[in-house]
């Protein structure tokens, strides 16, 4: 039996990837630069309060790395400015969980 939901999900995923790649590849350099600058400004704006609350330089570096990953992943979507806040939150939480686990293991 053919699962229609599976086919629709696969088609939808492939279409969104194709749209994303096409939109990025066809974007003029002047527009692309403006979008990249907008993403960077948003990333810095969202990241600033998080970094100010962290006392460890090493943890701040991990969080900044996670923010760069989030920005790179957001760029691959159709609307990176809308996706970035959620990706940033997820990546920062993941970095902090990893950091806490490493600290716990070091104390043993």
Protein backbone atom coordinates (compact mmCIF):
# COMPACT_ATOMS: atom_id res chain seq x y z
CA UNK A 1 0.00 0.00 0.00
CA UNK A 2 1.33 3.47 -0.90
CA UNK A 3 1.56 5.93 1.97
CA UNK A 4 0.34 9.28 0.62
CA UNK A 5 1.57 11.24 3.66
CA UNK A 6 5.09 9.91 3.10
CA UNK A 7 5.05 10.97 -0.55
CA UNK A 8 3.68 14.43 0.27
CA UNK A 9 6.30 14.95 3.01
CA UNK A 10 9.11 13.91 0.66
CA UNK A 11 7.84 16.12 -2.14
CA UNK A 12 7.37 19.07 0.20
CA UNK A 13 10.89 18.66 1.63
CA UNK A 14 12.50 18.36 -1.80
CA UNK A 15 10.58 21.35 -3.12
CA UNK A 16 11.56 23.57 -0.21
CA UNK A 17 15.21 22.62 -0.63
CA UNK A 18 15.02 23.36 -4.35
CA UNK A 19 13.33 26.72 -3.73
CA UNK A 20 15.95 27.62 -1.13
CA UNK A 21 18.86 26.73 -3.37
CA UNK A 22 17.36 28.48 -6.37
CA UNK A 23 16.58 31.66 -4.42
CA UNK A 24 20.12 31.82 -3.05
CA UNK A 25 21.81 31.10 -6.36
CA UNK A 26 19.71 33.61 -8.29
CA UNK A 27 20.00 36.44 -5.75
CA UNK A 28 22.01 39.40 -7.09
CA UNK A 29 25.23 40.14 -5.21
CA UNK A 30 23.98 43.49 -3.91
CA UNK A 31 20.86 41.90 -2.41
CA UNK A 32 22.78 38.92 -1.10
CA UNK A 33 25.22 41.22 0.69
CA UNK A 34 22.36 43.17 2.26
CA UNK A 35 20.70 39.96 3.47
CA UNK A 36 24.00 38.66 4.88
CA UNK A 37 24.50 41.95 6.74
CA UNK A 38 20.95 41.80 8.09
CA UNK A 39 21.48 38.24 9.33
CA UNK A 40 24.76 39.22 10.99
CA UNK A 41 23.16 42.24 12.73
CA UNK A 42 20.28 40.09 13.98
CA UNK A 43 22.68 37.40 15.19
CA UNK A 44 24.74 39.96 17.13
CA UNK A 45 21.61 41.58 18.59
CA UNK A 46 20.27 38.23 19.81
CA UNK A 47 23.67 37.00 20.98
CA UNK A 48 24.73 40.07 22.97
CA UNK A 49 22.55 39.49 26.10
CA UNK A 50 23.53 35.82 26.20
CA UNK A 51 27.26 36.57 26.06
CA UNK A 52 26.92 39.31 28.68
CA UNK A 53 25.43 36.78 31.11
CA UNK A 54 28.29 34.30 30.67
CA UNK A 55 31.38 34.65 32.85
CA UNK A 56 33.48 31.93 31.22
CA UNK A 57 35.46 32.97 28.15
CA UNK A 58 35.59 29.37 26.95
CA UNK A 59 31.81 29.03 27.18
CA UNK A 60 31.37 32.36 25.39
CA UNK A 61 33.50 31.02 22.52
CA UNK A 62 31.37 27.87 22.33
CA UNK A 63 28.20 29.96 22.26
CA UNK A 64 29.62 32.23 19.55
CA UNK A 65 30.54 29.16 17.49
CA UNK A 66 26.99 27.84 17.93
CA UNK A 67 25.62 31.22 16.79
CA UNK A 68 27.75 31.07 13.64
CA UNK A 69 26.41 27.58 12.91
CA UNK A 70 22.84 28.82 13.38
CA UNK A 71 23.43 31.73 10.99
CA UNK A 72 24.94 29.41 8.38
CA UNK A 73 21.99 27.02 8.63
CA UNK A 74 19.50 29.89 8.51
CA UNK A 75 21.10 31.15 5.31
CA UNK A 76 20.15 27.87 3.62
CA UNK A 77 16.43 28.48 4.19
CA UNK A 78 13.96 30.49 2.15
CA UNK A 79 13.66 33.21 4.81
CA UNK A 80 16.80 33.21 6.97
CA UNK A 81 15.84 36.25 9.08
CA UNK A 82 12.69 34.50 10.32
CA UNK A 83 14.43 31.18 10.99
CA UNK A 84 17.55 32.52 12.72
CA UNK A 85 16.08 33.28 16.19
CA UNK A 86 14.80 29.74 16.65
CA UNK A 87 17.94 28.11 15.27
CA UNK A 88 20.08 30.36 17.45
CA UNK A 89 18.13 29.40 20.55
CA UNK A 90 18.43 25.70 19.77
CA UNK A 91 22.16 25.89 19.02
CA UNK A 92 22.89 27.94 22.16
CA UNK A 93 20.92 25.53 24.36
CA UNK A 94 22.79 22.62 22.78
CA UNK A 95 26.16 24.32 23.40
CA UNK A 96 25.29 25.03 27.04
CA UNK A 97 24.08 21.45 27.62
CA UNK A 98 27.33 20.15 26.13
CA UNK A 99 29.35 22.58 28.26
CA UNK A 100 27.54 21.56 31.46
CA UNK A 101 28.08 17.88 30.68
CA UNK A 102 31.80 18.47 30.11
CA UNK A 103 32.07 20.37 33.39
CA UNK A 104 30.28 17.56 35.22
CA UNK A 105 32.70 14.98 33.77
CA UNK A 106 35.73 17.08 34.70
CA UNK A 107 34.61 17.27 38.34
CA UNK A 108 34.60 13.47 38.67
